[in-house]
Amino acid sequence: MYRVIILILIILSFTSCSKEKNVNIKSSEQINPYNLYQEALVAFENGDYFYAEKKFSEAELNFKIVEFSAKSAIMSSYALYGINFYDEALENLKRFLKKYPADKNVIYAHYLTAIIHYEQITDEKKDLKPLLEANDKIDFFIKKYPNTDYAIDLKFKKDLIQNQLAAKELYVAKYYISTQKWVPAINRLKNIIENYEKTIFIEEALHRLVEINYYLGLEKEAKKYANILGYNYNSSEWFEQSYKIFNKNYKPRKKTKVKKDDNFLQKILKKIK
């Protein structure tokens, strides 16, 4: 009797294992990564990035071919970027670059990383950290992949960042001027001249240096900056302001207003009236 019970238990255990195996085989057969990817792609094209990200992630885990897994991972990152989940997207891109360093989409992963940092930039009165981080990421990309189409776009964005960094310096310099802290104000303005000479803020920075140095009695220094301003930007309003500092009786020329022709829409509106 004891032997019979043992035999039954052995048979039952084998049957149980066999059933478990069949269930596992069946469930693994049901998960088709190609279907998951296609489902994700449809959701992505319809703008449902949240669902698309979920399906791209599932596809990545189930693909046996590394190339397809990598493609799913980069698409998952873009979907996260599409719903403004910036931190999650950056984390996903970091994982992608570590896991698939030889993939053909590595360049795009670096580009998207730079774009995400760029899009988190606020105005010059707020935190400087996103500006500096975006600038570093863009510099890295331009240096590593200078001859790509992405580099052209990032060079343009770098110019905008440079303008914002200069704007930040000018904003701080003006604060120091308002509190009569002349040395830090001068240092900030000099930083604009030395490091952001291609930005739109260079003219005002030169004028402020003329203004401060003249006020402090450093006329020679003030004239030096006025000459630089006059030589490079003699038609600007900031040169005119600097010129007035040395010539108290100078009266600015009156600007003549040019009458603009009405555009096409305005002409139609006039006829209707």
Protein backbone atom coordinates (compact mmCIF):
# COMPACT_ATOMS: atom_id res chain seq x y z
CA MET A 1 0.00 0.00 0.00
CA TYR A 2 2.79 2.42 0.94
CA ARG A 3 4.52 1.73 -2.41
CA VAL A 4 1.27 2.46 -4.30
CA ILE A 5 0.89 5.85 -2.54
CA ILE A 6 4.50 6.77 -3.40
CA LEU A 7 3.94 5.80 -7.03
CA ILE A 8 0.76 7.94 -7.27
CA LEU A 9 2.58 10.93 -5.77
CA ILE A 10 5.43 10.56 -8.29
CA ILE A 11 2.94 10.36 -11.19
CA LEU A 12 1.06 13.43 -9.92
CA SER A 13 4.28 15.44 -9.55
CA PHE A 14 5.33 14.59 -13.11
CA THR A 15 1.86 15.47 -14.40
CA SER A 16 1.95 18.79 -12.54
CA CYS A 17 5.41 19.62 -13.95
CA SER A 18 4.27 18.66 -17.41
CA LYS A 19 1.21 20.92 -17.17
CA GLU A 20 3.34 23.78 -15.82
CA LYS A 21 5.73 23.36 -18.74
CA ASN A 22 2.88 23.40 -21.23
CA VAL A 23 1.45 26.58 -19.69
CA ASN A 24 4.84 28.28 -19.84
CA ILE A 25 5.41 27.23 -23.44
CA LYS A 26 1.93 28.41 -24.39
CA SER A 27 2.30 31.78 -22.64
CA SER A 28 5.71 32.42 -24.21
CA GLU A 29 4.29 31.56 -27.63
CA GLN A 30 1.50 34.10 -27.14
CA ILE A 31 3.95 37.01 -26.60
CA ASN A 32 4.96 38.09 -30.07
CA PRO A 33 7.41 41.03 -29.90
CA TYR A 34 6.67 42.00 -33.51
CA ASN A 35 2.99 42.38 -32.69
CA LEU A 36 3.86 44.39 -29.58
CA TYR A 37 6.10 46.69 -31.61
CA GLN A 38 3.44 47.15 -34.30
CA GLU A 39 0.83 47.91 -31.63
CA ALA A 40 3.19 50.47 -30.08
CA LEU A 41 3.87 52.05 -33.46
CA VAL A 42 0.16 52.52 -34.19
CA ALA A 43 -0.35 54.14 -30.77
CA PHE A 44 2.72 56.32 -31.36
CA GLU A 45 1.45 57.54 -34.73
CA ASN A 46 -1.90 58.34 -33.15
CA GLY A 47 -0.21 60.45 -30.48
CA ASP A 48 -0.89 58.03 -27.63
CA TYR A 49 2.70 58.16 -26.36
CA PHE A 50 1.87 56.80 -22.92
CA TYR A 51 0.49 53.52 -24.28
CA ALA A 52 3.15 53.40 -26.99
CA GLU A 53 5.93 53.64 -24.38
CA LYS A 54 4.42 50.72 -22.46
CA LYS A 55 4.29 48.53 -25.56
CA PHE A 56 7.76 49.52 -26.82
CA SER A 57 9.17 48.55 -23.42
CA GLU A 58 7.40 45.17 -23.56
CA ALA A 59 8.67 44.58 -27.08
CA GLU A 60 12.24 45.36 -26.03
CA LEU A 61 12.07 42.73 -23.28
CA ASN A 62 10.73 40.05 -25.64
CA PHE A 63 12.83 40.56 -28.75
CA LYS A 64 15.59 38.01 -29.21
CA ILE A 65 17.36 40.13 -31.84
CA VAL A 66 19.47 42.87 -30.20
CA GLU A 67 18.93 45.35 -33.04
CA PHE A 68 15.15 45.20 -32.60
CA SER A 69 15.43 45.47 -28.81
CA ALA A 70 17.56 48.58 -29.22
CA LYS A 71 15.07 50.11 -31.66
CA SER A 72 12.24 49.47 -29.19
CA ALA A 73 14.26 51.09 -26.41
CA ILE A 74 14.97 54.29 -28.37
CA MET A 75 11.32 54.55 -29.40
CA SER A 76 10.33 54.10 -25.77
CA SER A 77 12.63 57.01 -24.86
CA TYR A 78 11.08 59.22 -27.51
CA ALA A 79 7.57 58.35 -26.32
CA LEU A 80 8.54 59.43 -22.78
CA TYR A 81 9.93 62.66 -24.21
CA GLY A 82 6.65 63.12 -26.12
CA ILE A 83 4.65 63.20 -22.87
CA ASN A 84 7.21 65.48 -21.17
CA PHE A 85 8.47 62.75 -18.81
CA TYR A 86 11.93 64.29 -19.14
CA ASP A 87 13.63 62.60 -16.18
CA GLU A 88 12.32 59.17 -17.20
CA ALA A 89 13.33 59.74 -20.82
CA LEU A 90 16.86 60.75 -19.81
CA GLU A 91 17.16 57.71 -17.56
CA ASN A 92 15.96 55.49 -20.42
CA LEU A 93 18.46 57.07 -22.83
CA LYS A 94 21.27 56.60 -20.34
CA ARG A 95 20.32 52.91 -20.05
CA PHE A 96 20.10 52.63 -23.85
CA LEU A 97 23.61 54.04 -24.34
CA LYS A 98 25.02 51.67 -21.75
CA LYS A 99 23.16 48.58 -23.00
CA TYR A 100 23.43 49.16 -26.77
CA PRO A 101 26.70 51.13 -27.30
CA ALA A 102 27.19 49.78 -30.84
CA ASP A 103 23.66 50.47 -32.09
CA LYS A 104 23.20 52.74 -35.10
CA ASN A 105 20.79 54.97 -33.11
CA VAL A 106 23.43 55.99 -30.55
CA ILE A 107 23.89 59.34 -32.36
CA TYR A 108 20.17 60.02 -32.13
CA ALA A 109 20.17 59.05 -28.43
CA HIS A 110 22.83 61.71 -27.73
CA TYR A 111 20.89 64.24 -29.82
CA LEU A 112 17.64 63.57 -27.96
CA THR A 113 19.51 63.88 -24.64
CA ALA A 114 20.73 67.35 -25.69
CA ILE A 115 17.24 68.37 -26.87
CA ILE A 116 15.61 67.31 -23.58
CA HIS A 117 18.11 69.41 -21.62
CA TYR A 118 17.56 72.31 -24.02
CA GLU A 119 13.78 72.20 -23.62
CA GLN A 120 14.09 72.47 -19.84
CA ILE A 121 15.71 75.91 -20.06
CA THR A 122 13.77 78.68 -18.35
CA ASP A 123 14.31 82.45 -18.61
CA GLU A 124 17.49 84.21 -17.52
CA LYS A 125 16.06 85.29 -14.15
CA LYS A 126 15.66 81.69 -12.97
CA ASP A 127 17.96 78.74 -12.35
CA LEU A 128 21.18 78.74 -14.38
CA LYS A 129 21.76 74.99 -14.04
CA PRO A 130 19.54 73.86 -16.99
CA LEU A 131 21.29 76.38 -19.25
CA LEU A 132 24.75 75.09 -18.36
CA GLU A 133 23.70 71.44 -18.63
CA ALA A 134 22.12 72.01 -22.06
CA ASN A 135 25.22 73.89 -23.20
CA ASP A 136 27.49 71.01 -22.07
CA LYS A 137 25.37 68.35 -23.82
CA ILE A 138 25.27 70.37 -27.04
CA ASP A 139 29.03 70.98 -26.93
CA PHE A 140 29.60 67.25 -26.44
CA PHE A 141 27.44 66.38 -29.45
CA ILE A 142 28.92 69.03 -31.79
CA LYS A 143 32.44 67.90 -30.90
CA LYS A 144 31.70 64.17 -31.30
CA TYR A 145 29.37 64.33 -34.35
CA PRO A 146 30.21 67.62 -36.12
CA ASN A 147 29.20 66.59 -39.64
CA THR A 148 25.67 65.39 -38.92
CA ASP A 149 22.35 67.11 -39.67
CA TYR A 150 21.65 67.06 -35.93
CA ALA A 151 24.79 69.16 -35.34
CA ILE A 152 23.42 71.93 -37.58
CA ASP A 153 20.28 72.14 -35.47
CA LEU A 154 22.22 72.07 -32.20
CA LYS A 155 24.61 74.81 -33.36
CA PHE A 156 21.60 77.08 -33.83
CA LYS A 157 20.30 76.14 -30.38
CA LYS A 158 23.74 76.79 -28.89
CA ASP A 159 23.57 80.38 -30.20
CA LEU A 160 20.26 80.82 -28.39
CA ILE A 161 21.78 79.39 -25.20
CA GLN A 162 24.71 81.79 -25.49
CA ASN A 163 22.22 84.66 -25.69
CA GLN A 164 20.45 83.43 -22.58
CA LEU A 165 23.70 83.02 -20.67
CA ALA A 166 24.65 86.57 -21.64
CA ALA A 167 21.18 87.77 -20.61
CA LYS A 168 21.70 86.13 -17.22
CA GLU A 169 25.06 87.89 -16.79
CA LEU A 170 23.51 91.24 -17.74
CA TYR A 171 20.59 90.71 -15.37
CA VAL A 172 22.97 90.07 -12.46
CA ALA A 173 25.20 93.00 -13.49
CA LYS A 174 22.19 95.34 -13.44
CA TYR A 175 21.30 94.12 -9.97
CA TYR A 176 24.84 94.97 -8.77
CA ILE A 177 24.58 98.39 -10.46
CA SER A 178 21.30 99.06 -8.63
CA THR A 179 23.00 98.26 -5.30
CA GLN A 180 26.17 100.21 -6.31
CA LYS A 181 28.40 97.16 -6.12
CA TRP A 182 30.64 98.32 -8.92
CA VAL A 183 33.38 95.66 -8.93
CA PRO A 184 31.10 92.60 -9.32
CA ALA A 185 29.01 94.56 -11.85
CA ILE A 186 32.12 95.32 -13.94
CA ASN A 187 33.24 91.68 -13.73
CA ARG A 188 29.88 90.45 -15.01
CA LEU A 189 29.90 92.93 -17.89
CA LYS A 190 33.48 92.03 -18.83
CA ASN A 191 32.46 88.38 -18.87
CA ILE A 192 29.85 89.20 -21.53
CA ILE A 193 32.47 90.99 -23.66
CA GLU A 194 35.03 88.20 -23.34
CA ASN A 195 32.77 85.14 -23.64
CA TYR A 196 29.55 86.23 -25.35
CA GLU A 197 30.74 88.77 -27.92
CA LYS A 198 28.48 87.32 -30.63
CA THR A 199 25.29 87.82 -28.62
CA ILE A 200 22.80 90.68 -28.84
CA PHE A 201 23.79 91.87 -25.34
CA ILE A 202 27.33 92.93 -26.19
CA GLU A 203 26.28 96.52 -27.06
CA GLU A 204 24.49 97.16 -23.78
CA ALA A 205 27.33 95.55 -21.81
CA LEU A 206 29.84 97.96 -23.42
CA HIS A 207 27.58 100.92 -22.69
CA ARG A 208 27.18 99.94 -19.04
CA LEU A 209 30.98 99.76 -18.72
CA VAL A 210 31.25 103.28 -20.16
CA GLU A 211 28.57 104.44 -17.72
CA ILE A 212 30.13 102.85 -14.59
CA ASN A 213 33.73 103.87 -15.34
CA TYR A 214 32.73 107.45 -16.10
CA TYR A 215 30.72 107.61 -12.86
CA LEU A 216 33.74 106.32 -10.91
CA GLY A 217 35.99 108.97 -12.49
CA LEU A 218 37.86 106.48 -14.68
CA GLU A 219 37.41 108.55 -17.84
CA LYS A 220 40.22 106.89 -19.78
CA GLU A 221 38.69 103.45 -19.16
CA ALA A 222 35.25 104.77 -20.06
CA LYS A 223 36.55 106.18 -23.36
CA LYS A 224 38.19 102.83 -24.15
CA TYR A 225 34.84 101.03 -24.05
CA ALA A 226 33.10 103.92 -25.82
CA ASN A 227 35.62 103.62 -28.69
CA ILE A 228 35.00 99.86 -28.96
CA LEU A 229 31.27 100.51 -29.03
CA GLY A 230 31.64 103.29 -31.60
CA TYR A 231 33.96 101.29 -33.85
CA ASN A 232 31.72 98.21 -33.96
CA TYR A 233 28.21 99.52 -33.32
CA ASN A 234 28.18 103.25 -34.15
CA SER A 235 24.59 103.16 -35.39
CA SER A 236 23.16 101.55 -32.28
CA GLU A 237 21.11 103.27 -29.58
CA TRP A 238 23.68 102.17 -26.96
CA PHE A 239 26.44 104.08 -28.75
CA GLU A 240 24.20 107.12 -28.79
CA GLN A 241 23.64 106.76 -25.03
CA SER A 242 27.40 106.50 -24.44
CA TYR A 243 28.06 109.51 -26.66
CA LYS A 244 25.68 111.57 -24.51
CA ILE A 245 27.78 110.78 -21.41
CA PHE A 246 30.77 112.66 -22.90
CA ASN A 247 28.70 115.30 -24.70
CA LYS A 248 26.04 116.62 -22.34
CA ASN A 249 24.53 119.01 -24.90
CA TYR A 250 24.05 116.33 -27.51
CA LYS A 251 20.47 115.90 -28.65
CA PRO A 252 19.49 112.62 -30.24
CA ARG A 253 18.30 112.76 -33.79
CA LYS A 254 14.58 112.45 -34.20
CA LYS A 255 13.60 109.26 -35.85
CA THR A 256 11.32 109.72 -38.81
CA LYS A 257 8.41 107.36 -38.89
CA VAL A 258 7.96 105.49 -42.11
CA LYS A 259 4.35 104.97 -43.00
CA LYS A 260 3.76 101.34 -43.72
CA ASP A 261 1.40 100.20 -46.42
CA ASP A 262 -1.62 98.33 -45.22
CA ASN A 263 -1.37 94.63 -45.76
CA PHE A 264 -3.77 92.70 -47.92
CA LEU A 265 -6.11 91.71 -45.08
CA GLN A 266 -6.41 95.29 -43.79
CA LYS A 267 -7.32 96.52 -47.26
CA ILE A 268 -10.11 93.94 -47.49
CA LEU A 269 -11.40 94.95 -44.04
CA LYS A 270 -11.50 98.60 -45.11
CA LYS A 271 -13.59 97.70 -48.15
CA ILE A 272 -15.99 95.67 -46.02
CA LYS A 273 -16.40 98.58 -43.61
